[in-house]
Amino acid sequence: MAFNDLLQQNFTAAIPTHHCRPPADTNFSQDAGLEAWLPRDGQGQPESCLHFTVPREGPPFPNDTRATEPCTNGWIYDNSTFSSTIVTEWDLVCSNRALRQLAQSLYMVGVLLGAMVFGYLADRLGRRKVLILNYLQTAVSGTCAAFAPNFPVYCAFRLLSGMSLASIALNCMTLSVEWMPIHTRACVGTLIGYVYSLGQFLLAGVAYAVPHWRHLQLLVSVPFFAFFIYSWFFIESARWHSSSGRLDLTLKALQRVAWINGKREEGTKLSMEVLRASLQKELTMSKGQASALELLRCPALRHLFLCLSMLWFATSFAYYGLVMDLQGFGVSIYLIQVIFGAVDLPAKLVGFLVINSLGRRPAQMASLLLAGVCILVNGVIPEDQSIVRTSLAVLGKGCLATSFNCIFLYTGELYPTVIRQTGMGMGSTMARVGSIVSPLVGMTAEIYPSVPLFIYGAVPVAASAVAALLPETLGQPLPDTVQDMESRRRGKPRRQQQDQQKQMVPLQASARENGL
């Protein structure tokens, strides 16, 4: 549920209806005073950012040309839906409205930095240590944001939250993939995706029950203290230990998992000699950690990096173009949040069936292509067809959620162990670039209302073609070294690694049964 911390900004940074506050020393009744001070826009509604320099006397008349000026006494907000948001508390409207987007952009910058920095650290220090740190950082920074005395401090803590939450999402998937046997990876990846969907449902309900932004921010941050305590019970990836050349720690991790799952007999059969014989190839080839430069230097990795970067960018670019403007649908923000969460349930189930039966590549291609088509068609539907437009947007969002679910699993299976977390981090970095660029594309609506939709739709359609250039990983063992990647690229068999994995499957198969 980590990335729902981003979607909470739909509620904590919601923009209520507002208008200028008349001078404090003016005697007026509410209706009469507003009528006298506020000009009307083209739809006959009070202007949000202007008021007359001198109050009008007498009844209103059309095309009033009297002088106006920006709000000089603050604003009056409609608190019927949101009792308080960062917009109402720090007046992030009118000339300051760009600051609201700044808060979102800084959060995304944090996600981008976290994916790069913590992705590298996870490959160097291990998945477990980084996860423990990330849970603590999320809990502390989120709680501090709830008590932020001013907007700059709030943005700083949101940036720190973005860094840690990005790493949590990537590390959880990597640790799960590295502990799971081949036939359960798709199931585990789908279950993780459903947890995210559950978070969207909970977010809508909690935001409705807690309309004050500080209380909501605190409520979604405090649980991470419990996650921090629980994370100490995680077991480090045995595959990561072995790729780092630490057979002693690999043996301890496997024996501990065997003990937890009631398979002590299998655990006692393992010894340093058995592991050394099974992992002789990895110990020979993995004398050092692969650096991030290998993503560009090695031909096989460079091919993966470029293709996967496009997939991550396109999915995030179109996804956040849809979900980060819930107020633009013209219906209850809570209702549309629930609808957007509900569509994930059937979409991810269908995605799981395709991933597990036809393969990762067909699922990735189909989800991106269908999402792009839905968005493109939406761009030519008349605006008065709100039901059709909303339905297409919801269907497109469901396909993009499926694409996200697939790409996390697909990326983890394509990269070798020695650089898997770094590769995941770079993919997530490209996703954050997409989410940062996405709001800027929304500004092209000033040229023509449907231009953003055409762009949001064209990018995933193009990315679906790129997915065809990637190899299929269904039923394939995880690569451990860069050399394994080169072997797979040249089409060489990997029977030795398959035999090694079969020896570890009995111990790894039930590792996650205890939440580890």
Protein backbone atom coordinates (compact mmCIF):
# COMPACT_ATOMS: atom_id res chain seq x y z
CA MET A 1 0.00 0.00 0.00
CA ALA A 2 3.04 2.24 -0.03
CA PHE A 3 2.39 4.26 -3.18
CA ASN A 4 -1.12 5.16 -2.01
CA ASP A 5 0.76 7.75 0.01
CA LEU A 6 1.07 9.55 -3.32
CA LEU A 7 -2.65 9.27 -4.09
CA GLN A 8 -3.49 10.72 -0.69
CA GLN A 9 -2.50 14.11 -2.12
CA ASN A 10 -5.78 14.00 -4.04
CA PHE A 11 -7.32 14.58 -0.61
CA THR A 12 -4.66 16.37 1.46
CA ALA A 13 -4.06 18.85 -1.39
CA ALA A 14 -7.62 19.07 -2.71
CA ILE A 15 -8.73 22.51 -3.95
CA PRO A 16 -12.11 23.53 -2.49
CA THR A 17 -14.30 26.15 -4.09
CA HIS A 18 -12.99 29.54 -3.01
CA HIS A 19 -13.32 33.27 -3.57
CA CYS A 20 -11.81 36.49 -2.31
CA ARG A 21 -12.45 37.57 1.26
CA PRO A 22 -13.95 41.11 1.38
CA PRO A 23 -12.26 43.73 3.58
CA ALA A 24 -12.61 42.95 7.29
CA ASP A 25 -13.98 46.40 8.17
CA THR A 26 -16.88 46.07 5.71
CA ASN A 27 -20.37 45.65 7.14
CA PHE A 28 -22.37 43.24 5.02
CA SER A 29 -24.55 40.21 5.18
CA GLN A 30 -22.95 37.11 3.65
CA ASP A 31 -24.96 37.03 0.41
CA ALA A 32 -25.25 40.75 -0.14
CA GLY A 33 -21.58 41.34 0.64
CA LEU A 34 -20.32 38.71 -1.76
CA GLU A 35 -22.68 39.94 -4.47
CA ALA A 36 -21.28 43.44 -4.12
CA TRP A 37 -17.60 42.53 -4.02
CA LEU A 38 -17.19 39.58 -6.40
CA PRO A 39 -17.27 39.73 -10.22
CA ARG A 40 -18.68 36.77 -12.15
CA ASP A 41 -16.95 34.49 -14.62
CA GLY A 42 -18.33 33.28 -17.97
CA GLN A 43 -20.50 30.65 -16.24
CA GLY A 44 -21.98 33.19 -13.83
CA GLN A 45 -19.97 31.90 -10.85
CA PRO A 46 -18.00 34.18 -8.49
CA GLU A 47 -14.41 34.70 -9.60
CA SER A 48 -11.92 32.76 -7.51
CA CYS A 49 -9.00 35.18 -7.69
CA LEU A 50 -10.45 38.67 -8.28
CA HIS A 51 -12.66 41.16 -6.49
CA PHE A 52 -13.90 44.67 -7.28
CA THR A 53 -11.78 47.53 -6.00
CA VAL A 54 -14.98 49.28 -4.98
CA PRO A 55 -18.14 47.34 -3.99
CA ARG A 56 -21.04 47.46 -6.39
CA GLU A 57 -24.17 49.32 -5.44
CA GLY A 58 -27.49 48.14 -6.75
CA PRO A 59 -28.36 44.94 -8.62
CA PRO A 60 -25.71 43.15 -10.74
CA PHE A 61 -25.62 43.72 -14.47
CA PRO A 62 -23.90 41.81 -17.29
CA ASN A 63 -20.51 42.82 -18.69
CA ASP A 64 -19.57 44.77 -15.56
CA THR A 65 -16.36 46.59 -16.51
CA ARG A 66 -15.46 48.09 -13.14
CA ALA A 67 -11.87 47.73 -11.98
CA THR A 68 -10.85 44.49 -10.27
CA GLU A 69 -7.74 43.39 -8.43
CA PRO A 70 -6.30 40.14 -7.03
CA CYS A 71 -7.42 39.02 -3.60
CA THR A 72 -5.76 41.24 -1.00
CA ASN A 73 -7.47 39.94 2.15
CA GLY A 74 -7.13 36.21 1.67
CA TRP A 75 -9.79 33.75 0.58
CA ILE A 76 -12.95 32.13 1.83
CA TYR A 77 -13.07 28.37 1.24
CA ASP A 78 -15.96 25.96 1.00
CA ASN A 79 -15.29 23.54 3.87
CA SER A 80 -18.30 21.30 3.24
CA THR A 81 -16.14 18.49 1.76
CA PHE A 82 -12.68 19.09 3.20
CA SER A 83 -12.38 20.72 6.60
CA SER A 84 -8.71 21.52 5.93
CA THR A 85 -6.13 20.84 3.21
CA ILE A 86 -2.64 22.15 2.58
CA VAL A 87 -4.27 24.42 -0.01
CA THR A 88 -6.58 26.09 2.51
CA GLU A 89 -3.98 26.23 5.28
CA TRP A 90 -1.26 27.88 3.21
CA ASP A 91 -3.45 29.53 0.53
CA LEU A 92 -2.02 27.59 -2.42
CA VAL A 93 -4.47 29.12 -4.89
CA CYS A 94 -4.49 31.78 -7.59
CA SER A 95 -0.97 33.24 -7.86
CA ASN A 96 0.31 30.54 -5.48
CA ARG A 97 -1.38 27.60 -7.18
CA ALA A 98 1.92 26.39 -8.69
CA LEU A 99 3.14 25.62 -5.17
CA ARG A 100 0.58 22.83 -4.91
CA GLN A 101 2.12 21.13 -7.93
CA LEU A 102 5.55 21.82 -6.44
CA ALA A 103 4.66 19.67 -3.43
CA GLN A 104 3.67 16.81 -5.73
CA SER A 105 6.74 17.26 -7.93
CA LEU A 106 9.09 17.25 -4.93
CA TYR A 107 7.50 14.03 -3.73
CA MET A 108 8.18 12.55 -7.17
CA VAL A 109 11.76 13.82 -7.05
CA GLY A 110 12.09 11.97 -3.76
CA VAL A 111 10.75 8.79 -5.36
CA LEU A 112 13.24 9.19 -8.20
CA LEU A 113 16.18 9.71 -5.80
CA GLY A 114 15.06 6.85 -3.60
CA ALA A 115 14.86 4.44 -6.51
CA MET A 116 18.44 5.26 -7.52
CA VAL A 117 20.10 5.61 -4.11
CA PHE A 118 18.37 2.82 -2.21
CA GLY A 119 18.33 0.54 -5.25
CA TYR A 120 22.12 0.74 -5.33
CA LEU A 121 22.41 0.28 -1.56
CA ALA A 122 20.14 -2.77 -1.65
CA ASP A 123 22.50 -4.47 -4.10
CA ARG A 124 25.50 -3.53 -1.98
CA LEU A 125 24.17 -3.96 1.58
CA GLY A 126 21.28 -6.35 1.12
CA ARG A 127 17.51 -6.09 0.79
CA ARG A 128 16.66 -6.52 4.49
CA LYS A 129 18.86 -3.75 5.90
CA VAL A 130 17.57 -1.21 3.39
CA LEU A 131 13.95 -2.21 4.01
CA ILE A 132 14.33 -1.72 7.76
CA LEU A 133 15.80 1.75 7.18
CA ASN A 134 13.06 2.64 4.70
CA TYR A 135 10.21 1.72 7.04
CA LEU A 136 11.69 3.88 9.78
CA GLN A 137 12.30 6.79 7.42
CA THR A 138 8.73 6.60 6.10
CA ALA A 139 7.25 6.54 9.59
CA VAL A 140 9.32 9.45 10.86
CA SER A 141 9.10 11.68 7.78
CA GLY A 142 5.36 11.08 7.33
CA THR A 143 4.65 11.86 10.98
CA CYS A 144 6.79 14.99 10.85
CA ALA A 145 4.94 16.14 7.71
CA ALA A 146 1.68 15.96 9.69
CA PHE A 147 3.12 18.49 12.18
CA ALA A 148 4.94 20.67 9.62
CA PRO A 149 4.76 24.34 10.73
CA ASN A 150 5.04 25.73 7.20
CA PHE A 151 4.95 24.71 3.56
CA PRO A 152 8.74 24.40 2.91
CA VAL A 153 9.13 22.03 5.88
CA TYR A 154 6.15 20.01 4.67
CA CYS A 155 7.71 19.65 1.20
CA ALA A 156 11.04 18.53 2.70
CA PHE A 157 9.43 15.72 4.67
CA ARG A 158 7.31 14.68 1.70
CA LEU A 159 10.49 14.37 -0.38
CA LEU A 160 11.99 12.08 2.28
CA SER A 161 8.78 10.02 2.31
CA GLY A 162 8.95 9.64 -1.45
CA MET A 163 12.53 8.36 -1.26
CA SER A 164 11.76 5.64 1.27
CA LEU A 165 8.41 4.55 -0.19
CA ALA A 166 9.94 4.02 -3.64
CA SER A 167 12.53 1.71 -2.13
CA ILE A 168 9.93 -0.19 -0.10
CA ALA A 169 7.92 -1.01 -3.20
CA LEU A 170 10.98 -2.19 -5.13
CA ASN A 171 12.64 -4.05 -2.29
CA CYS A 172 9.50 -5.95 -1.31
CA MET A 173 9.05 -7.20 -4.85
CA THR A 174 12.73 -8.12 -5.22
CA LEU A 175 12.87 -9.97 -1.91
CA SER A 176 9.68 -11.85 -2.79
CA VAL A 177 10.90 -12.81 -6.27
CA GLU A 178 14.26 -14.02 -4.95
CA TRP A 179 12.66 -16.26 -2.32
CA MET A 180 9.92 -17.67 -4.53
CA PRO A 181 10.20 -20.76 -6.75
CA ILE A 182 9.43 -20.31 -10.43
CA HIS A 183 5.80 -21.42 -10.43
CA THR A 184 4.70 -19.05 -7.63
CA ARG A 185 6.28 -15.76 -8.74
CA ALA A 186 3.31 -14.55 -10.77
CA CYS A 187 0.92 -15.37 -7.93
CA VAL A 188 3.02 -13.49 -5.38
CA GLY A 189 3.41 -10.51 -7.70
CA THR A 190 -0.35 -10.38 -8.21
CA LEU A 191 -1.03 -10.59 -4.47
CA ILE A 192 1.32 -7.66 -3.89
CA GLY A 193 -0.60 -5.74 -6.55
CA TYR A 194 -3.87 -6.51 -4.78
CA VAL A 195 -2.45 -5.10 -1.56
CA TYR A 196 -1.94 -1.84 -3.44
CA SER A 197 -5.55 -1.96 -4.64
CA LEU A 198 -6.72 -2.60 -1.08
CA GLY A 199 -4.85 0.52 -0.10
CA GLN A 200 -6.87 2.56 -2.61
CA PHE A 201 -10.13 1.36 -1.04
CA LEU A 202 -8.89 2.12 2.47
CA LEU A 203 -7.62 5.53 1.38
CA ALA A 204 -11.04 6.57 0.09
CA GLY A 205 -12.77 5.46 3.29
CA VAL A 206 -10.18 6.93 5.64
CA ALA A 207 -10.07 10.24 3.75
CA TYR A 208 -13.87 10.47 3.93
CA ALA A 209 -13.85 9.79 7.68
CA VAL A 210 -10.88 12.09 8.36
CA PRO A 211 -11.31 15.26 6.27
CA HIS A 212 -8.55 17.24 8.04
CA TRP A 213 -5.28 16.86 6.13
CA ARG A 214 -3.02 16.75 9.20
CA HIS A 215 -5.04 13.99 10.81
CA LEU A 216 -5.11 12.02 7.55
CA GLN A 217 -1.36 12.44 7.04
CA LEU A 218 -0.70 11.20 10.57
CA LEU A 219 -3.10 8.29 10.24
CA VAL A 220 -1.40 6.89 7.12
CA SER A 221 2.10 7.37 8.59
CA VAL A 222 1.86 5.85 12.06
CA PRO A 223 1.34 2.24 10.83
CA PHE A 224 4.85 2.32 9.37
CA PHE A 225 6.25 2.24 12.91
CA ALA A 226 4.63 -1.20 13.23
CA PHE A 227 6.00 -2.20 9.81
CA PHE A 228 9.45 -1.09 10.99
CA ILE A 229 9.29 -3.41 14.00
CA TYR A 230 7.95 -6.28 11.91
CA SER A 231 10.69 -5.85 9.28
CA TRP A 232 13.35 -6.97 11.78
CA PHE A 233 11.93 -10.49 11.40
CA PHE A 234 12.57 -10.53 7.63
CA ILE A 235 15.17 -13.00 6.37
CA GLU A 236 17.74 -11.70 3.92
CA SER A 237 17.65 -13.16 0.43
CA ALA A 238 19.75 -16.33 0.29
CA ARG A 239 20.23 -15.67 -3.42
CA TRP A 240 21.71 -12.23 -2.64
CA HIS A 241 24.03 -13.75 -0.01
CA SER A 242 25.27 -16.36 -2.48
CA SER A 243 25.79 -13.79 -5.26
CA SER A 244 27.89 -11.79 -2.77
CA GLY A 245 30.04 -14.85 -2.05
CA ARG A 246 28.81 -15.25 1.56
CA LEU A 247 28.04 -18.96 1.71
CA ASP A 248 28.01 -18.93 5.52
CA LEU A 249 25.13 -16.43 5.55
CA THR A 250 23.41 -18.27 2.69
CA LEU A 251 23.47 -21.46 4.75
CA LYS A 252 22.11 -19.70 7.85
CA ALA A 253 19.28 -18.09 5.88
CA LEU A 254 18.20 -21.37 4.27
CA GLN A 255 18.40 -23.29 7.53
CA ARG A 256 16.40 -20.65 9.36
CA VAL A 257 13.66 -20.74 6.72
CA ALA A 258 13.66 -24.54 6.89
CA TRP A 259 13.27 -24.40 10.68
CA ILE A 260 10.42 -21.86 10.51
CA ASN A 261 8.52 -23.92 7.96
CA GLY A 262 8.95 -27.22 9.78
CA LYS A 263 11.51 -28.61 7.31
CA ARG A 264 14.40 -29.16 9.71
CA GLU A 265 15.42 -32.41 8.06
CA GLU A 266 16.03 -30.64 4.74
CA GLY A 267 17.91 -27.92 6.57
CA THR A 268 20.26 -30.31 8.34
CA LYS A 269 21.20 -31.90 5.02
CA LEU A 270 22.64 -28.60 3.85
CA SER A 271 26.29 -27.88 4.54
CA MET A 272 29.01 -25.58 3.30
CA GLU A 273 30.33 -28.33 1.06
CA VAL A 274 26.93 -28.92 -0.52
CA LEU A 275 26.42 -25.21 -1.16
CA ARG A 276 29.93 -24.74 -2.49
CA ALA A 277 29.45 -27.57 -4.94
CA SER A 278 26.02 -26.32 -6.02
CA LEU A 279 27.09 -22.70 -6.42
CA GLN A 280 30.58 -23.20 -7.80
CA LYS A 281 29.70 -21.29 -10.97
CA GLU A 282 28.29 -18.31 -9.06
CA LEU A 283 31.28 -18.20 -6.70
CA THR A 284 33.63 -18.13 -9.70
CA MET A 285 31.77 -15.46 -11.63
CA SER A 286 30.54 -13.24 -8.78
CA LYS A 287 33.77 -12.11 -7.19
CA GLY A 288 32.55 -8.53 -7.21
CA GLN A 289 29.31 -6.63 -7.37
CA ALA A 290 28.27 -5.43 -10.81
CA SER A 291 28.12 -1.65 -11.04
CA ALA A 292 25.30 0.41 -12.48
CA LEU A 293 27.56 1.21 -15.44
CA GLU A 294 27.12 -2.41 -16.52
CA LEU A 295 23.58 -1.47 -17.56
CA LEU A 296 25.10 0.49 -20.45
CA ARG A 297 28.39 -1.35 -20.92
CA CYS A 298 27.11 -4.91 -21.27
CA PRO A 299 25.17 -5.48 -24.54
CA ALA A 300 22.58 -7.80 -22.99
CA LEU A 301 21.97 -5.49 -20.04
CA ARG A 302 21.93 -2.40 -22.25
CA HIS A 303 19.19 -3.94 -24.39
CA LEU A 304 17.14 -4.74 -21.28
CA PHE A 305 17.74 -1.34 -19.73
CA LEU A 306 16.61 0.64 -22.79
CA CYS A 307 13.51 -1.47 -23.42
CA LEU A 308 12.44 -1.64 -19.78
CA SER A 309 13.02 2.09 -19.31
CA MET A 310 10.48 2.75 -22.05
CA LEU A 311 7.96 0.40 -20.43
CA TRP A 312 8.37 1.93 -16.96
CA PHE A 313 8.15 5.47 -18.33
CA ALA A 314 5.06 4.82 -20.47
CA THR A 315 3.15 3.01 -17.73
CA SER A 316 3.79 5.66 -15.09
CA PHE A 317 3.32 8.55 -17.52
CA ALA A 318 -0.17 7.46 -18.56
CA TYR A 319 -1.16 6.11 -15.13
CA TYR A 320 -0.54 9.31 -13.20
CA GLY A 321 -1.99 11.37 -16.01
CA LEU A 322 -5.29 9.67 -15.15
CA VAL A 323 -5.24 9.21 -11.37
CA MET A 324 -3.75 12.48 -10.14
CA ASP A 325 -6.67 14.68 -11.18
CA LEU A 326 -9.70 12.98 -9.63
CA GLN A 327 -11.44 16.32 -9.16
CA GLY A 328 -11.51 16.73 -12.95
CA PHE A 329 -14.10 13.94 -13.37
CA GLY A 330 -16.87 16.14 -12.02
CA VAL A 331 -18.17 13.51 -9.57
CA SER A 332 -17.49 12.80 -5.91
CA ILE A 333 -13.74 12.50 -5.37
CA TYR A 334 -14.35 9.67 -2.90
CA LEU A 335 -16.57 7.77 -5.34
CA ILE A 336 -14.11 8.00 -8.22
CA GLN A 337 -11.30 6.85 -5.90
CA VAL A 338 -13.35 3.75 -5.01
CA ILE A 339 -14.18 3.10 -8.69
CA PHE A 340 -10.52 3.42 -9.67
CA GLY A 341 -9.63 0.96 -6.92
CA ALA A 342 -12.44 -1.46 -7.80
CA VAL A 343 -11.40 -1.80 -11.44
CA ASP A 344 -8.04 -3.18 -10.29
CA LEU A 345 -9.68 -6.31 -8.88
CA PRO A 346 -10.85 -7.88 -12.17
CA ALA A 347 -8.05 -6.26 -14.18
CA LYS A 348 -5.27 -7.79 -12.08
CA LEU A 349 -7.02 -11.16 -12.01
CA VAL A 350 -7.16 -11.23 -15.81
CA GLY A 351 -3.57 -10.01 -15.89
CA PHE A 352 -2.48 -12.82 -13.56
CA LEU A 353 -4.15 -15.44 -15.76
CA VAL A 354 -2.41 -14.06 -18.86
CA ILE A 355 0.94 -13.73 -17.06
CA ASN A 356 0.79 -17.27 -15.72
CA SER A 357 -0.52 -18.97 -18.88
CA LEU A 358 0.64 -17.00 -21.92
CA GLY A 359 3.66 -15.29 -20.42
CA ARG A 360 4.97 -11.96 -19.15
CA ARG A 361 5.63 -10.45 -22.57
CA PRO A 362 2.09 -10.92 -23.98
CA ALA A 363 0.60 -9.56 -20.75
CA GLN A 364 2.86 -6.49 -20.86
CA MET A 365 2.12 -5.82 -24.53
CA ALA A 366 -1.64 -6.29 -24.26
CA SER A 367 -2.07 -4.17 -21.12
CA LEU A 368 -0.17 -1.21 -22.57
CA LEU A 369 -1.83 -1.45 -25.97
CA LEU A 370 -5.36 -1.66 -24.58
CA ALA A 371 -4.71 1.17 -22.14
CA GLY A 372 -3.40 3.41 -24.89
CA VAL A 373 -6.36 2.65 -27.16
CA CYS A 374 -8.85 3.47 -24.36
CA ILE A 375 -7.17 6.81 -23.72
CA LEU A 376 -6.95 7.69 -27.41
CA VAL A 377 -10.61 6.87 -28.00
CA ASN A 378 -11.49 8.99 -24.98
CA GLY A 379 -9.87 11.94 -26.72
CA VAL A 380 -12.43 11.89 -29.54
CA ILE A 381 -15.54 11.26 -27.41
CA PRO A 382 -17.61 14.46 -26.92
CA GLU A 383 -17.28 15.97 -23.46
CA ASP A 384 -21.01 15.71 -22.80
CA GLN A 385 -20.73 11.89 -22.94
CA SER A 386 -19.46 11.80 -19.34
CA ILE A 387 -20.48 8.19 -18.65
CA VAL A 388 -18.66 6.86 -21.72
CA ARG A 389 -15.59 8.99 -21.04
CA THR A 390 -15.43 7.95 -17.40
CA SER A 391 -15.89 4.28 -18.32
CA LEU A 392 -13.04 4.42 -20.82
CA ALA A 393 -10.81 6.19 -18.31
CA VAL A 394 -11.56 3.54 -15.67
CA LEU A 395 -10.85 0.72 -18.15
CA GLY A 396 -7.60 2.39 -19.20
CA LYS A 397 -6.59 2.81 -15.57
CA GLY A 398 -7.26 -0.88 -14.91
CA CYS A 399 -5.03 -1.87 -17.83
CA LEU A 400 -2.25 0.41 -16.60
CA ALA A 401 -2.54 -1.07 -13.10
CA THR A 402 -2.11 -4.50 -14.70
CA SER A 403 0.91 -3.19 -16.60
CA PHE A 404 2.46 -1.96 -13.35
CA ASN A 405 1.81 -5.34 -11.75
CA CYS A 406 3.47 -7.13 -14.65
CA ILE A 407 6.47 -4.87 -15.07
CA PHE A 408 7.56 -5.23 -11.42
CA LEU A 409 7.64 -9.01 -11.84
CA TYR A 410 9.02 -8.96 -15.38
CA THR A 411 11.90 -6.63 -14.50
CA GLY A 412 12.85 -8.71 -11.47
CA GLU A 413 13.01 -11.84 -13.59
CA LEU A 414 15.01 -10.28 -16.43
CA TYR A 415 17.88 -8.73 -14.43
CA PRO A 416 20.56 -10.94 -12.79
CA THR A 417 20.83 -11.11 -9.01
CA VAL A 418 24.05 -9.12 -8.78
CA ILE A 419 22.38 -6.07 -10.31
CA ARG A 420 18.67 -6.83 -9.93
CA GLN A 421 17.86 -4.15 -7.37
CA THR A 422 19.89 -1.55 -9.26
CA GLY A 423 18.01 -2.44 -12.44
CA MET A 424 14.69 -2.24 -10.60
CA GLY A 425 15.75 1.11 -9.21
CA MET A 426 16.66 2.49 -12.61
CA GLY A 427 13.34 1.28 -13.99
CA SER A 428 11.51 2.99 -11.16
CA THR A 429 13.58 6.10 -11.83
CA MET A 430 12.26 6.19 -15.38
CA ALA A 431 8.76 5.71 -13.99
CA ARG A 432 9.25 8.76 -11.78
CA VAL A 433 10.44 10.75 -14.78
CA GLY A 434 7.17 9.79 -16.43
CA SER A 435 5.14 10.86 -13.41
CA ILE A 436 6.98 14.18 -13.25
CA VAL A 437 6.46 14.89 -16.96
CA SER A 438 2.81 13.80 -16.85
CA PRO A 439 1.41 16.94 -15.12
CA LEU A 440 3.32 19.14 -17.58
CA VAL A 441 1.58 17.42 -20.48
CA GLY A 442 -1.74 18.24 -18.82
CA MET A 443 -0.97 21.92 -19.44
CA THR A 444 -1.32 21.33 -23.20
CA ALA A 445 -5.09 21.29 -22.66
CA GLU A 446 -4.89 25.06 -23.08
CA ILE A 447 -4.08 24.42 -26.75
CA TYR A 448 -6.91 21.94 -27.23
CA PRO A 449 -8.77 20.00 -24.49
CA SER A 450 -8.02 16.55 -25.96
CA VAL A 451 -4.30 17.06 -26.62
CA PRO A 452 -3.21 15.57 -23.25
CA LEU A 453 -5.30 12.44 -23.88
CA PHE A 454 -3.76 11.94 -27.31
CA ILE A 455 -0.28 12.13 -25.78
CA TYR A 456 -1.17 9.96 -22.77
CA GLY A 457 -2.54 7.34 -25.18
CA ALA A 458 0.17 7.40 -27.85
CA VAL A 459 3.04 6.72 -25.44
CA PRO A 460 1.78 3.36 -24.05
CA VAL A 461 0.81 2.23 -27.58
CA ALA A 462 4.40 2.85 -28.71
CA ALA A 463 5.75 1.12 -25.60
CA SER A 464 3.67 -1.99 -26.32
CA ALA A 465 5.72 -2.46 -29.49
CA VAL A 466 8.95 -2.14 -27.51
CA ALA A 467 7.83 -4.96 -25.20
CA ALA A 468 8.01 -7.33 -28.17
CA LEU A 469 11.81 -6.92 -28.15
CA LEU A 470 12.18 -8.50 -24.69
CA PRO A 471 12.68 -12.23 -23.99
CA GLU A 472 10.00 -14.30 -22.29
CA THR A 473 10.69 -15.38 -18.67
CA LEU A 474 7.73 -17.68 -18.01
CA GLY A 475 9.05 -20.88 -16.42
CA GLN A 476 12.67 -19.68 -16.59
CA PRO A 477 15.08 -19.70 -13.61
CA LEU A 478 16.38 -16.36 -12.36
CA PRO A 479 19.75 -15.29 -13.79
CA ASP A 480 22.37 -14.76 -11.08
CA THR A 481 25.25 -13.16 -12.98
CA VAL A 482 25.85 -10.88 -15.92
CA GLN A 483 27.42 -13.87 -17.64
CA ASP A 484 24.08 -15.68 -17.33
CA MET A 485 22.48 -12.78 -19.15
CA GLU A 486 24.97 -13.07 -21.96
CA SER A 487 24.35 -16.81 -22.17
CA ARG A 488 20.60 -16.30 -22.40
CA ARG A 489 21.12 -13.62 -25.06
CA ARG A 490 23.17 -16.08 -27.13
CA GLY A 491 20.61 -18.81 -26.59
CA LYS A 492 22.89 -21.10 -24.55
CA PRO A 493 21.18 -23.58 -22.21
CA ARG A 494 21.31 -22.99 -18.49
CA ARG A 495 20.80 -26.54 -17.31
CA GLN A 496 23.40 -26.16 -14.55
CA GLN A 497 21.58 -23.25 -12.96
CA GLN A 498 18.25 -25.03 -13.32
CA ASP A 499 19.67 -27.99 -11.41
CA GLN A 500 20.96 -25.65 -8.70
CA GLN A 501 17.59 -23.99 -8.34
CA LYS A 502 15.85 -27.37 -8.01
CA GLN A 503 18.08 -28.08 -5.01
CA MET A 504 16.97 -24.90 -3.27
CA VAL A 505 13.27 -24.99 -4.17
CA PRO A 506 12.21 -27.25 -1.26
CA LEU A 507 13.61 -24.71 1.20
CA GLN A 508 12.51 -21.57 -0.64
CA ALA A 509 9.04 -22.71 -1.67
CA SER A 510 7.37 -22.04 1.66
CA ALA A 511 9.52 -19.14 2.83
CA ARG A 512 6.78 -16.60 2.35
CA GLU A 513 4.23 -18.72 4.17
CA ASN A 514 5.41 -17.04 7.38
CA GLY A 515 5.46 -13.54 5.86
CA LEU A 516 9.22 -13.60 5.31
